[in-house]
N, C-alpha and C. Protein backbone atom coordinates (compact mmCIF):
# COMPACT_ATOMS: atom_id res chain seq x y z
N MET A 1 104.08 -5.80 124.55
CA MET A 1 104.24 -4.86 125.32
C MET A 1 104.69 -3.36 124.33
N ARG A 2 103.98 -2.49 124.66
CA ARG A 2 104.42 -1.14 124.06
C ARG A 2 105.77 -0.54 124.28
N THR A 3 106.52 -0.12 123.48
CA THR A 3 107.93 0.19 123.85
C THR A 3 107.96 1.85 123.79
N ALA A 4 108.97 2.64 123.81
CA ALA A 4 108.99 3.82 123.99
C ALA A 4 108.54 4.42 122.21
N ILE A 5 109.54 3.47 121.57
CA ILE A 5 109.43 3.79 120.29
C ILE A 5 108.35 3.81 119.58
N ALA A 6 107.31 2.74 120.11
CA ALA A 6 106.16 2.48 119.61
C ALA A 6 105.34 3.82 120.09
N ARG A 7 105.40 4.47 121.14
CA ARG A 7 104.35 5.54 121.72
C ARG A 7 104.94 6.70 120.89
N SER A 8 106.23 6.73 120.45
CA SER A 8 106.64 8.12 119.52
C SER A 8 105.72 8.96 118.63
N PRO A 9 105.08 10.09 118.50
CA PRO A 9 104.64 10.42 117.41
C PRO A 9 105.30 10.59 115.91
N ILE A 10 106.51 10.22 116.34
CA ILE A 10 107.24 10.36 114.86
C ILE A 10 106.83 9.09 114.02
N VAL A 11 106.44 7.79 115.00
CA VAL A 11 106.31 6.55 114.30
C VAL A 11 105.03 6.91 113.65
N ALA A 12 103.80 7.54 113.86
CA ALA A 12 103.07 7.71 113.46
C ALA A 12 103.06 8.40 112.41
N ILE A 13 103.91 9.52 112.07
CA ILE A 13 104.18 10.27 110.90
C ILE A 13 104.57 9.48 109.90
N LEU A 14 105.46 8.27 110.38
CA LEU A 14 106.20 7.65 109.65
C LEU A 14 105.23 6.50 108.96
N ALA A 15 104.50 6.41 109.73
CA ALA A 15 103.56 5.32 109.39
C ALA A 15 102.43 6.08 108.22
N ALA A 16 102.29 6.88 108.46
CA ALA A 16 101.54 7.80 107.48
C ALA A 16 102.04 7.66 106.21
N LEU A 17 103.33 8.24 106.01
CA LEU A 17 104.09 8.47 105.16
C LEU A 17 104.41 6.81 104.18
N PHE A 18 104.48 5.84 105.00
CA PHE A 18 104.54 4.52 104.33
C PHE A 18 103.15 4.17 103.55
N MET A 19 102.28 4.52 104.30
CA MET A 19 100.91 4.03 103.38
C MET A 19 100.67 5.04 102.18
N LEU A 20 101.30 6.20 102.17
CA LEU A 20 101.33 7.19 100.89
C LEU A 20 101.88 6.54 99.82
N PHE A 21 103.48 5.91 100.23
CA PHE A 21 103.93 5.23 99.23
C PHE A 21 103.73 4.03 98.99
N ALA A 22 103.22 3.33 99.84
CA ALA A 22 102.73 1.77 99.37
C ALA A 22 101.35 1.22 98.88
N ALA A 23 100.60 2.65 99.07
CA ALA A 23 99.23 2.26 98.47
C ALA A 23 99.15 2.07 97.08
N PRO A 24 98.44 1.28 96.32
CA PRO A 24 98.21 1.24 95.01
C PRO A 24 97.72 2.94 94.48
N GLU A 25 98.14 2.80 93.34
CA GLU A 25 97.42 3.99 92.59
C GLU A 25 96.05 3.76 92.08
N GLU A 26 95.48 4.74 92.40
CA GLU A 26 93.93 4.72 91.88
C GLU A 26 93.88 5.01 90.30
N SER A 27 94.57 6.35 90.05
CA SER A 27 94.65 6.45 88.60
C SER A 27 96.15 7.07 88.21
N GLY A 28 96.21 6.62 86.94
CA GLY A 28 97.67 6.98 86.31
C GLY A 28 98.93 5.95 87.15
N GLY A 29 99.42 5.73 86.11
CA GLY A 29 100.48 4.41 86.57
C GLY A 29 100.01 3.19 86.36
N ALA A 30 100.86 1.88 86.41
CA ALA A 30 100.32 0.66 86.22
C ALA A 30 99.86 -0.02 87.22
N ALA A 31 98.92 -0.55 87.52
CA ALA A 31 98.55 -1.04 88.66
C ALA A 31 99.35 -2.81 88.77
N ALA A 32 99.36 -3.16 89.99
CA ALA A 32 100.07 -4.49 89.89
C ALA A 32 99.09 -5.70 89.42
N PRO A 33 99.46 -6.66 88.82
CA PRO A 33 98.76 -7.83 88.20
C PRO A 33 97.38 -8.28 89.48
N LEU A 34 96.59 -8.64 89.30
CA LEU A 34 95.64 -9.36 90.12
C LEU A 34 96.50 -10.50 90.97
N ALA A 35 97.43 -11.36 90.38
CA ALA A 35 97.87 -12.48 90.85
C ALA A 35 98.66 -11.71 92.12
N PHE A 36 99.23 -10.79 92.08
CA PHE A 36 99.90 -10.56 93.29
C PHE A 36 99.09 -9.92 94.52
N LYS A 37 99.42 -10.38 95.88
CA LYS A 37 98.56 -10.35 96.90
C LYS A 37 99.20 -8.87 97.74
N LEU A 38 100.47 -8.44 97.28
CA LEU A 38 101.01 -7.49 98.19
C LEU A 38 100.96 -6.21 97.31
N ALA A 39 101.18 -5.23 97.93
CA ALA A 39 101.00 -3.54 97.35
C ALA A 39 101.92 -3.31 96.49
N PRO A 40 101.46 -3.01 95.02
CA PRO A 40 102.38 -2.64 94.14
C PRO A 40 103.13 -1.24 94.40
N TRP A 41 104.36 -1.40 93.77
CA TRP A 41 105.01 -0.28 93.96
C TRP A 41 104.58 0.42 92.44
N PRO A 42 104.47 1.76 92.50
CA PRO A 42 104.00 2.54 91.16
C PRO A 42 105.27 2.09 89.98
N GLN A 43 104.86 1.56 89.00
CA GLN A 43 105.70 1.39 88.08
C GLN A 43 106.29 2.69 86.92
N ALA A 44 105.61 4.01 87.27
CA ALA A 44 106.31 5.10 86.79
C ALA A 44 107.31 5.53 87.52
N ALA A 45 107.70 4.94 88.73
CA ALA A 45 108.66 5.58 89.56
C ALA A 45 110.04 4.90 89.05
N HIS A 46 111.09 5.35 89.24
CA HIS A 46 112.28 5.01 89.34
C HIS A 46 112.81 3.80 90.11
N SER A 47 113.69 2.92 89.31
CA SER A 47 114.07 1.82 90.04
C SER A 47 115.19 2.29 91.00
N PRO A 48 115.24 1.82 92.39
CA PRO A 48 116.15 2.24 93.46
C PRO A 48 117.52 1.29 93.24
N GLY A 49 118.37 2.37 93.96
CA GLY A 49 119.66 1.38 94.10
C GLY A 49 120.49 1.98 95.08
N PHE A 50 121.49 1.20 95.41
CA PHE A 50 122.43 1.88 96.61
C PHE A 50 123.81 1.13 96.18
N ARG A 51 124.83 2.11 96.91
CA ARG A 51 126.34 1.55 96.80
C ARG A 51 126.59 1.38 98.50
N LEU A 52 126.84 0.30 98.65
CA LEU A 52 126.86 0.14 100.23
C LEU A 52 128.36 -0.86 100.14
N ARG A 53 128.22 -1.79 101.42
CA ARG A 53 129.23 -2.79 101.43
C ARG A 53 128.90 -3.75 102.05
N ASP A 54 129.15 -5.08 102.05
CA ASP A 54 128.85 -6.14 102.91
C ASP A 54 129.70 -6.28 104.12
N ALA A 55 129.40 -7.39 104.90
CA ALA A 55 129.83 -7.37 106.03
C ALA A 55 131.48 -7.97 106.06
N ASP A 56 131.80 -8.60 104.94
CA ASP A 56 132.99 -8.68 104.74
C ASP A 56 133.97 -7.31 104.13
N GLY A 57 133.33 -6.54 104.00
CA GLY A 57 133.96 -5.32 103.26
C GLY A 57 133.96 -4.94 101.79
N ALA A 58 133.11 -6.07 100.91
CA ALA A 58 133.10 -6.19 99.81
C ALA A 58 131.87 -5.11 99.35
N PRO A 59 132.50 -4.34 98.44
CA PRO A 59 131.04 -3.24 97.62
C PRO A 59 130.25 -4.03 96.94
N ARG A 60 129.15 -3.45 97.44
CA ARG A 60 127.57 -4.15 96.92
C ARG A 60 126.75 -3.09 96.17
N THR A 61 125.99 -3.36 95.14
CA THR A 61 125.15 -2.68 94.53
C THR A 61 124.09 -3.32 94.11
N LEU A 62 122.93 -3.33 93.89
CA LEU A 62 121.86 -3.94 93.29
C LEU A 62 122.08 -5.28 92.28
N GLN A 63 123.19 -4.46 91.20
CA GLN A 63 123.68 -5.29 89.93
C GLN A 63 124.30 -6.52 90.55
N ASN A 64 124.91 -6.45 91.52
CA ASN A 64 125.60 -7.75 92.30
C ASN A 64 124.57 -9.00 92.31
N TYR A 65 123.22 -8.60 92.77
CA TYR A 65 122.41 -9.75 92.70
C TYR A 65 121.14 -9.63 91.68
N ARG A 66 121.83 -9.03 90.41
CA ARG A 66 120.79 -9.15 89.34
C ARG A 66 120.54 -10.46 88.82
N GLY A 67 119.23 -10.72 88.40
CA GLY A 67 118.88 -12.37 88.19
C GLY A 67 118.36 -13.16 89.49
N LYS A 68 118.28 -12.41 90.39
CA LYS A 68 117.69 -12.91 91.76
C LYS A 68 116.36 -12.01 91.83
N ILE A 69 115.49 -12.72 92.67
CA ILE A 69 114.51 -11.55 93.53
C ILE A 69 114.99 -11.12 94.38
N VAL A 70 115.20 -9.90 94.76
CA VAL A 70 115.91 -9.42 96.15
C VAL A 70 114.97 -8.53 97.20
N VAL A 71 115.01 -9.19 98.01
CA VAL A 71 114.10 -8.71 99.17
C VAL A 71 114.65 -7.99 100.33
N VAL A 72 114.35 -6.33 100.28
CA VAL A 72 115.08 -5.55 101.10
C VAL A 72 114.54 -4.88 102.14
N PHE A 73 114.93 -5.09 103.67
CA PHE A 73 114.73 -4.51 104.75
C PHE A 73 115.37 -3.35 105.58
N PHE A 74 114.97 -2.38 105.50
CA PHE A 74 116.14 -1.39 106.34
C PHE A 74 115.79 -1.20 107.88
N GLY A 75 116.78 -1.49 108.69
CA GLY A 75 116.71 -1.60 110.27
C GLY A 75 117.80 -1.54 110.70
N PHE A 76 117.83 -1.52 111.98
CA PHE A 76 119.03 -1.39 113.23
C PHE A 76 119.03 -2.83 114.18
N LEU A 77 120.31 -3.18 114.49
CA LEU A 77 120.42 -4.49 115.24
C LEU A 77 119.64 -4.18 116.80
N ARG A 78 119.82 -2.86 117.08
CA ARG A 78 119.08 -2.51 118.79
C ARG A 78 117.62 -2.05 118.40
N CYS A 79 116.87 -2.60 117.29
CA CYS A 79 115.63 -2.33 117.08
C CYS A 79 114.89 -3.25 118.29
N PRO A 80 113.94 -2.32 119.04
CA PRO A 80 113.01 -3.26 119.85
C PRO A 80 112.11 -4.24 119.47
N GLY A 81 111.95 -4.67 118.32
CA GLY A 81 111.02 -5.97 118.25
C GLY A 81 110.88 -6.09 116.42
N ILE A 82 110.30 -4.95 115.52
CA ILE A 82 110.02 -4.87 114.61
C ILE A 82 110.71 -5.48 113.29
N CYS A 83 112.47 -5.19 113.43
CA CYS A 83 113.57 -5.61 113.07
C CYS A 83 113.62 -7.09 112.98
N SER A 84 113.74 -7.38 114.27
CA SER A 84 113.80 -9.12 114.24
C SER A 84 112.79 -9.93 113.88
N ALA A 85 111.32 -9.50 113.98
CA ALA A 85 110.27 -10.00 113.68
C ALA A 85 110.21 -9.87 112.08
N GLU A 86 110.66 -9.16 111.54
CA GLU A 86 110.62 -9.37 110.06
C GLU A 86 111.72 -10.05 109.70
N MET A 87 112.77 -10.34 110.17
CA MET A 87 113.92 -11.05 109.65
C MET A 87 113.37 -12.62 110.09
N HIS A 88 112.52 -12.71 111.08
CA HIS A 88 112.32 -14.03 111.40
C HIS A 88 111.02 -14.69 110.29
N LYS A 89 110.36 -13.54 110.02
CA LYS A 89 109.47 -14.03 108.73
C LYS A 89 109.65 -14.17 107.59
N LEU A 90 110.85 -13.40 107.12
CA LEU A 90 111.72 -13.70 105.99
C LEU A 90 112.49 -15.24 105.97
N ALA A 91 112.72 -15.54 107.01
CA ALA A 91 113.42 -16.64 107.18
C ALA A 91 112.55 -18.03 107.07
N VAL A 92 111.31 -17.84 107.32
CA VAL A 92 110.38 -18.27 107.30
C VAL A 92 109.69 -18.81 105.69
N VAL A 93 109.81 -17.53 105.20
CA VAL A 93 109.28 -17.43 103.88
C VAL A 93 110.34 -18.27 103.17
N MET A 94 111.58 -18.00 103.34
CA MET A 94 112.78 -18.68 102.55
C MET A 94 112.77 -20.29 102.81
N LYS A 95 112.26 -20.77 103.96
CA LYS A 95 112.30 -22.19 104.28
C LYS A 95 110.93 -22.76 103.44
N GLN A 96 110.12 -21.89 103.42
CA GLN A 96 108.75 -22.40 102.69
C GLN A 96 108.99 -22.18 101.03
N LEU A 97 109.85 -21.50 100.60
CA LEU A 97 110.20 -21.56 99.38
C LEU A 97 111.13 -22.52 99.09
N GLY A 98 111.56 -23.36 99.64
CA GLY A 98 112.32 -24.73 99.20
C GLY A 98 113.45 -24.18 98.61
N GLU A 99 113.55 -25.04 97.45
CA GLU A 99 114.58 -25.17 96.39
C GLU A 99 114.31 -23.84 95.44
N ARG A 100 113.24 -23.17 95.76
CA ARG A 100 112.97 -21.74 94.82
C ARG A 100 113.92 -20.64 95.61
N ALA A 101 114.30 -20.84 96.89
CA ALA A 101 114.80 -19.72 97.39
C ALA A 101 116.16 -19.55 97.01
N ALA A 102 116.86 -20.65 96.37
CA ALA A 102 118.06 -20.36 95.67
C ALA A 102 118.06 -19.05 94.88
N ASN A 103 116.91 -18.70 94.56
CA ASN A 103 117.21 -17.19 93.35
C ASN A 103 116.52 -16.35 94.12
N VAL A 104 116.57 -16.16 95.52
CA VAL A 104 116.09 -15.33 96.23
C VAL A 104 117.06 -14.69 97.01
N GLN A 105 117.21 -13.34 97.28
CA GLN A 105 118.15 -12.86 98.12
C GLN A 105 117.82 -11.60 99.04
N VAL A 106 117.94 -11.92 100.29
CA VAL A 106 117.29 -11.13 101.49
C VAL A 106 118.49 -10.36 101.89
N LEU A 107 118.51 -8.67 101.65
CA LEU A 107 119.38 -7.88 102.30
C LEU A 107 118.81 -6.78 103.52
N PHE A 108 119.49 -7.04 104.75
CA PHE A 108 119.10 -6.00 105.71
C PHE A 108 120.23 -4.96 105.43
N ILE A 109 119.50 -3.45 105.29
CA ILE A 109 120.53 -2.42 105.52
C ILE A 109 120.49 -1.67 106.46
N THR A 110 121.54 -1.56 107.18
CA THR A 110 121.51 -0.97 108.51
C THR A 110 121.27 0.51 108.66
N LEU A 111 120.59 1.22 109.52
CA LEU A 111 120.21 2.64 109.47
C LEU A 111 121.05 3.08 110.80
N ASP A 112 121.97 2.16 111.36
CA ASP A 112 122.90 2.70 112.43
C ASP A 112 123.94 2.01 112.15
N PRO A 113 124.70 2.59 111.20
CA PRO A 113 126.21 2.10 110.87
C PRO A 113 127.28 2.54 112.16
N GLN A 114 126.96 3.59 112.80
CA GLN A 114 127.76 3.77 113.90
C GLN A 114 127.73 2.73 114.80
N HIS A 115 126.74 1.70 115.33
CA HIS A 115 126.47 0.85 116.20
C HIS A 115 126.63 -0.69 115.51
N ASP A 116 126.16 -0.65 114.41
CA ASP A 116 126.10 -2.10 113.68
C ASP A 116 127.23 -2.06 113.00
N SER A 117 128.35 -3.26 113.72
CA SER A 117 129.33 -3.11 112.84
C SER A 117 129.31 -4.37 111.92
N PRO A 118 130.42 -4.54 110.95
CA PRO A 118 130.11 -5.53 110.18
C PRO A 118 129.83 -6.99 110.69
N LYS A 119 130.94 -7.02 111.77
CA LYS A 119 130.89 -8.32 112.52
C LYS A 119 129.65 -8.78 113.21
N LEU A 120 128.91 -7.50 113.72
CA LEU A 120 127.54 -7.72 114.60
C LEU A 120 126.70 -8.13 113.26
N LEU A 121 126.50 -7.12 112.23
CA LEU A 121 125.64 -7.45 111.20
C LEU A 121 125.73 -9.03 110.67
N LYS A 122 126.96 -9.54 110.51
CA LYS A 122 127.19 -11.05 109.80
C LYS A 122 126.52 -11.87 111.15
N SER A 123 126.90 -11.71 112.20
CA SER A 123 126.17 -12.38 113.23
C SER A 123 124.61 -12.93 113.29
N TYR A 124 124.04 -11.51 113.22
CA TYR A 124 122.76 -10.99 113.28
C TYR A 124 122.21 -11.79 112.03
N MET A 125 122.62 -11.61 111.00
CA MET A 125 122.01 -12.49 109.82
C MET A 125 122.05 -13.83 109.74
N ARG A 126 123.15 -14.34 110.43
CA ARG A 126 123.30 -15.94 110.62
C ARG A 126 122.20 -16.35 111.45
N ALA A 127 121.85 -15.60 112.56
CA ALA A 127 120.82 -16.16 113.62
C ALA A 127 119.67 -16.27 113.00
N PHE A 128 119.01 -15.98 112.00
CA PHE A 128 117.93 -15.79 110.97
C PHE A 128 118.02 -16.80 110.02
N ASP A 129 118.79 -16.67 108.89
CA ASP A 129 119.29 -17.54 107.85
C ASP A 129 120.61 -16.90 107.35
N PRO A 130 121.75 -18.05 107.25
CA PRO A 130 123.14 -17.83 106.71
C PRO A 130 123.13 -17.13 105.27
N ARG A 131 121.86 -17.37 104.66
CA ARG A 131 122.04 -16.97 103.38
C ARG A 131 121.67 -15.41 103.15
N PHE A 132 121.26 -14.96 104.27
CA PHE A 132 120.71 -13.38 104.62
C PHE A 132 122.14 -12.42 104.51
N ILE A 133 121.95 -11.32 103.80
CA ILE A 133 123.42 -10.46 103.94
C ILE A 133 123.09 -9.15 104.18
N GLY A 134 124.01 -8.74 105.37
CA GLY A 134 123.76 -7.42 105.91
C GLY A 134 124.48 -6.29 105.34
N LEU A 135 124.09 -5.06 104.83
CA LEU A 135 124.88 -4.44 104.11
C LEU A 135 125.06 -3.06 105.06
N THR A 136 125.92 -2.38 105.02
CA THR A 136 126.19 -1.14 105.67
C THR A 136 127.18 -0.12 104.62
N GLY A 137 127.40 1.05 105.34
CA GLY A 137 127.94 2.27 104.72
C GLY A 137 128.36 3.44 105.56
N THR A 138 128.98 4.62 104.76
CA THR A 138 128.90 5.73 105.59
C THR A 138 127.18 6.14 105.74
N THR A 139 127.42 7.30 106.51
CA THR A 139 125.97 8.00 106.98
C THR A 139 125.29 8.32 105.50
N ALA A 140 126.18 9.08 104.41
CA ALA A 140 125.77 9.52 103.41
C ALA A 140 125.50 8.42 102.55
N GLN A 141 125.91 7.22 102.59
CA GLN A 141 125.69 6.22 101.57
C GLN A 141 124.10 5.66 101.99
N ILE A 142 124.16 5.46 103.47
CA ILE A 142 123.15 5.09 103.84
C ILE A 142 121.56 5.89 103.44
N ASN A 143 121.89 7.11 103.83
CA ASN A 143 120.94 8.13 103.28
C ASN A 143 120.52 8.36 101.76
N GLN A 144 121.45 7.83 100.87
CA GLN A 144 121.09 7.86 99.81
C GLN A 144 120.38 6.66 99.40
N ALA A 145 120.60 5.37 100.31
CA ALA A 145 119.82 4.28 99.78
C ALA A 145 118.23 4.53 100.22
N THR A 146 118.28 5.34 101.45
CA THR A 146 116.97 5.59 101.99
C THR A 146 116.14 6.35 100.85
N SER A 147 116.96 7.42 100.61
CA SER A 147 116.24 8.27 99.62
C SER A 147 115.65 7.53 98.42
N SER A 148 116.72 6.50 97.68
CA SER A 148 116.22 6.11 96.68
C SER A 148 115.12 4.86 96.77
N PHE A 149 115.05 4.21 97.74
CA PHE A 149 113.75 3.56 98.10
C PHE A 149 112.72 4.25 98.83
N GLN A 150 112.81 5.64 99.32
CA GLN A 150 111.83 6.04 99.78
C GLN A 150 111.44 5.77 101.11
N VAL A 151 112.51 5.67 101.96
CA VAL A 151 112.29 4.93 103.16
C VAL A 151 112.64 6.11 104.11
N GLN A 152 111.77 6.36 105.01
CA GLN A 152 111.89 7.36 106.33
C GLN A 152 112.64 6.91 107.59
N TYR A 153 113.50 7.55 107.81
CA TYR A 153 114.07 7.46 109.32
C TYR A 153 114.33 8.63 110.11
N THR A 154 114.43 8.59 111.27
CA THR A 154 114.88 9.36 112.05
C THR A 154 115.31 8.95 113.39
N ARG A 155 116.46 9.58 114.17
CA ARG A 155 117.21 9.42 115.39
C ARG A 155 116.34 9.80 116.44
N VAL A 156 115.70 9.05 117.51
CA VAL A 156 114.80 9.50 118.46
C VAL A 156 115.73 9.59 119.87
N PRO A 157 115.82 10.53 120.63
CA PRO A 157 116.49 10.65 121.87
C PRO A 157 115.79 9.72 122.64
N GLN A 158 116.84 9.09 123.40
CA GLN A 158 116.04 7.97 124.42
C GLN A 158 117.36 7.73 125.66
N GLY A 159 116.86 8.35 126.74
CA GLY A 159 118.02 8.49 127.75
C GLY A 159 119.21 9.37 127.29
N GLY A 160 120.29 8.58 127.20
CA GLY A 160 121.35 9.50 127.29
C GLY A 160 121.86 8.81 125.70
N ASP A 161 121.07 8.28 125.04
CA ASP A 161 121.54 7.60 123.72
C ASP A 161 120.36 7.75 123.01
N TYR A 162 119.92 6.85 121.74
CA TYR A 162 119.16 7.24 121.00
C TYR A 162 118.41 5.88 120.35
N THR A 163 117.44 5.96 119.91
CA THR A 163 117.02 4.60 119.14
C THR A 163 116.29 5.23 117.60
N ILE A 164 115.96 4.59 116.95
CA ILE A 164 115.69 4.93 115.63
C ILE A 164 114.22 4.38 115.16
N ALA A 165 113.42 5.39 114.83
CA ALA A 165 112.05 5.42 114.23
C ALA A 165 112.27 5.39 112.69
N HIS A 166 111.63 4.42 112.29
CA HIS A 166 111.83 3.88 110.62
C HIS A 166 110.78 3.46 110.22
N SER A 167 110.64 3.52 108.60
CA SER A 167 109.67 2.79 107.72
C SER A 167 110.15 1.38 108.10
N THR A 168 108.85 0.40 107.80
CA THR A 168 108.89 -0.88 108.23
C THR A 168 108.56 -2.02 107.14
N ALA A 169 108.70 -1.17 105.94
CA ALA A 169 108.24 -1.74 104.77
C ALA A 169 109.27 -2.74 104.29
N THR A 170 108.97 -3.94 103.69
CA THR A 170 109.79 -4.65 102.98
C THR A 170 109.57 -4.43 101.50
N LEU A 171 110.36 -4.44 100.86
CA LEU A 171 111.04 -4.00 99.69
C LEU A 171 111.24 -5.15 98.42
N ILE A 172 110.31 -5.57 97.48
CA ILE A 172 110.82 -6.60 96.84
C ILE A 172 111.05 -6.51 95.28
N ILE A 173 112.36 -6.54 94.83
CA ILE A 173 112.70 -6.00 93.71
C ILE A 173 112.82 -7.56 92.56
N ASP A 174 112.39 -7.57 91.34
CA ASP A 174 112.15 -8.71 90.59
C ASP A 174 113.75 -9.04 90.03
N ALA A 175 113.86 -9.86 89.10
CA ALA A 175 115.06 -10.10 88.56
C ALA A 175 115.60 -9.01 87.68
N THR A 176 115.01 -8.32 87.22
CA THR A 176 115.69 -7.34 86.28
C THR A 176 116.08 -6.15 86.86
N GLY A 177 115.73 -6.01 88.20
CA GLY A 177 116.05 -4.81 88.94
C GLY A 177 115.23 -4.08 89.31
N ARG A 178 113.88 -4.20 89.05
CA ARG A 178 112.50 -3.25 89.13
C ARG A 178 111.84 -3.50 90.64
N LEU A 179 111.60 -2.46 91.70
CA LEU A 179 111.09 -2.66 92.57
C LEU A 179 109.72 -2.84 92.15
N ARG A 180 109.15 -4.08 92.60
CA ARG A 180 107.58 -4.43 91.73
C ARG A 180 106.76 -4.30 93.49
N LEU A 181 107.13 -4.84 94.38
CA LEU A 181 106.24 -4.82 95.74
C LEU A 181 106.63 -4.50 96.92
N VAL A 182 105.52 -4.13 97.79
CA VAL A 182 105.86 -3.48 99.04
C VAL A 182 105.10 -4.33 100.19
N SER A 183 105.88 -5.30 101.08
CA SER A 183 105.24 -5.83 101.99
C SER A 183 105.17 -4.72 103.51
N ALA A 184 103.76 -5.21 103.85
CA ALA A 184 103.86 -4.60 105.36
C ALA A 184 104.34 -5.10 106.66
N ALA A 185 104.16 -4.73 107.53
CA ALA A 185 104.79 -5.54 108.80
C ALA A 185 103.84 -6.87 109.29
N ASP A 186 102.59 -6.05 108.39
CA ASP A 186 101.52 -7.51 109.14
C ASP A 186 101.20 -8.12 107.99
N SER A 187 101.84 -8.01 106.87
CA SER A 187 101.58 -9.05 105.48
C SER A 187 101.85 -10.48 106.10
N PRO A 188 101.21 -11.35 105.57
CA PRO A 188 101.26 -12.81 105.99
C PRO A 188 102.37 -13.58 105.19
N VAL A 189 102.96 -14.79 105.62
CA VAL A 189 104.10 -15.07 105.27
C VAL A 189 103.32 -15.61 103.92
N ALA A 190 102.32 -16.24 103.93
CA ALA A 190 101.80 -16.81 102.73
C ALA A 190 101.75 -15.97 101.51
N ASP A 191 101.30 -14.66 101.68
CA ASP A 191 101.39 -13.66 100.69
C ASP A 191 102.94 -13.32 100.21
N LEU A 192 103.75 -13.42 100.95
CA LEU A 192 105.20 -13.15 100.33
C LEU A 192 105.62 -14.52 99.44
N VAL A 193 105.17 -15.18 100.20
CA VAL A 193 105.83 -16.57 99.28
C VAL A 193 105.02 -16.91 97.99
N HIS A 194 103.65 -16.66 98.25
CA HIS A 194 103.01 -16.55 96.65
C HIS A 194 103.26 -15.61 95.69
N ASP A 195 104.16 -14.19 96.22
CA ASP A 195 104.09 -13.20 95.23
C ASP A 195 105.72 -13.47 94.56
N ILE A 196 106.37 -13.94 95.62
CA ILE A 196 107.62 -14.19 95.30
C ILE A 196 107.73 -15.27 94.46
N THR A 197 107.10 -16.05 94.51
CA THR A 197 107.00 -17.45 93.92
C THR A 197 106.55 -16.81 92.35
N SER A 198 105.48 -16.15 92.18
CA SER A 198 104.87 -15.42 91.10
C SER A 198 106.26 -14.65 90.08
N LEU A 199 106.74 -13.84 91.07
CA LEU A 199 108.04 -13.30 90.43
C LEU A 199 108.94 -14.12 89.77
N LEU A 200 109.21 -15.13 90.28
CA LEU A 200 110.35 -16.22 89.82
C LEU A 200 109.80 -16.84 88.86
N SER A 201 108.60 -16.93 88.50
CA SER A 201 108.22 -17.64 87.30
C SER A 201 108.09 -16.59 86.25
N GLU A 202 108.26 -15.33 86.21
CA GLU A 202 107.96 -14.46 85.32
C GLU A 202 109.63 -14.67 84.06
N PRO A 203 109.26 -14.31 82.88
CA PRO A 203 110.32 -14.59 81.82
C PRO A 203 111.42 -13.43 82.31
N ALA A 204 112.50 -13.91 82.38
CA ALA A 204 113.49 -12.66 82.21
C ALA A 204 113.90 -11.71 81.16
N SER A 205 113.97 -10.66 81.40
CA SER A 205 114.42 -9.52 80.42
C SER A 205 115.66 -8.93 80.69
N ALA A 206 116.05 -7.96 79.62
CA ALA A 206 117.47 -7.48 79.56
C ALA A 206 117.36 -6.59 81.12
N PRO A 207 118.42 -6.64 81.73
CA PRO A 207 118.71 -6.00 83.17
C PRO A 207 119.04 -4.49 82.71
N LYS A 208 118.53 -3.62 83.82
CA LYS A 208 118.75 -2.36 83.68
C LYS A 208 120.08 -1.64 84.78
N GLU A 209 120.58 -0.98 84.36
CA GLU A 209 121.76 -0.45 85.40
C GLU A 209 120.64 0.59 86.19
N ASN A 210 121.52 0.43 87.20
CA ASN A 210 120.93 1.38 88.53
C ASN A 210 122.36 2.65 88.65
């Protein structure tokens, strides 16, 4: 069933922006190896970062997860469907990775810190996989993170409240802290499992600071 947010023209604009960011470059910049099934992130682009805190209040940056494949999704807990659907898909991916999942960290960054308390974030993550980590911060910190990852979002009035239209990409960072791949909402589980497995098999190199 289509929701009010799905009918919003803002969503169509954000979808177009995502296609711009996620589409492989036809010229200039390095293309993803043929072994990967997901869309490549242009390797000429900078590596993103954030300064947020987890549900226990501990400060977190990408450096805290260096050495693991990091899977990042931006969303909000009152999301009408896509956020929970993506978290469910990532939970299935982790299950199919088996023992390899120990070297993968899924991060959910809230776009609605006013409503998504640390307690709610922790409960939401545990409902999908207790290894998932929810991150929050001030509005300024969230905006810095979305800008760094080129994620688009906007509040959309809904009755006396609001909902949030946002990019629905899942972003995959390799063990050295480089953003490598972008998974769309309709990317199959098999493609994520395949590409994360490929990243896990790459030789480690010196980490870079964000």
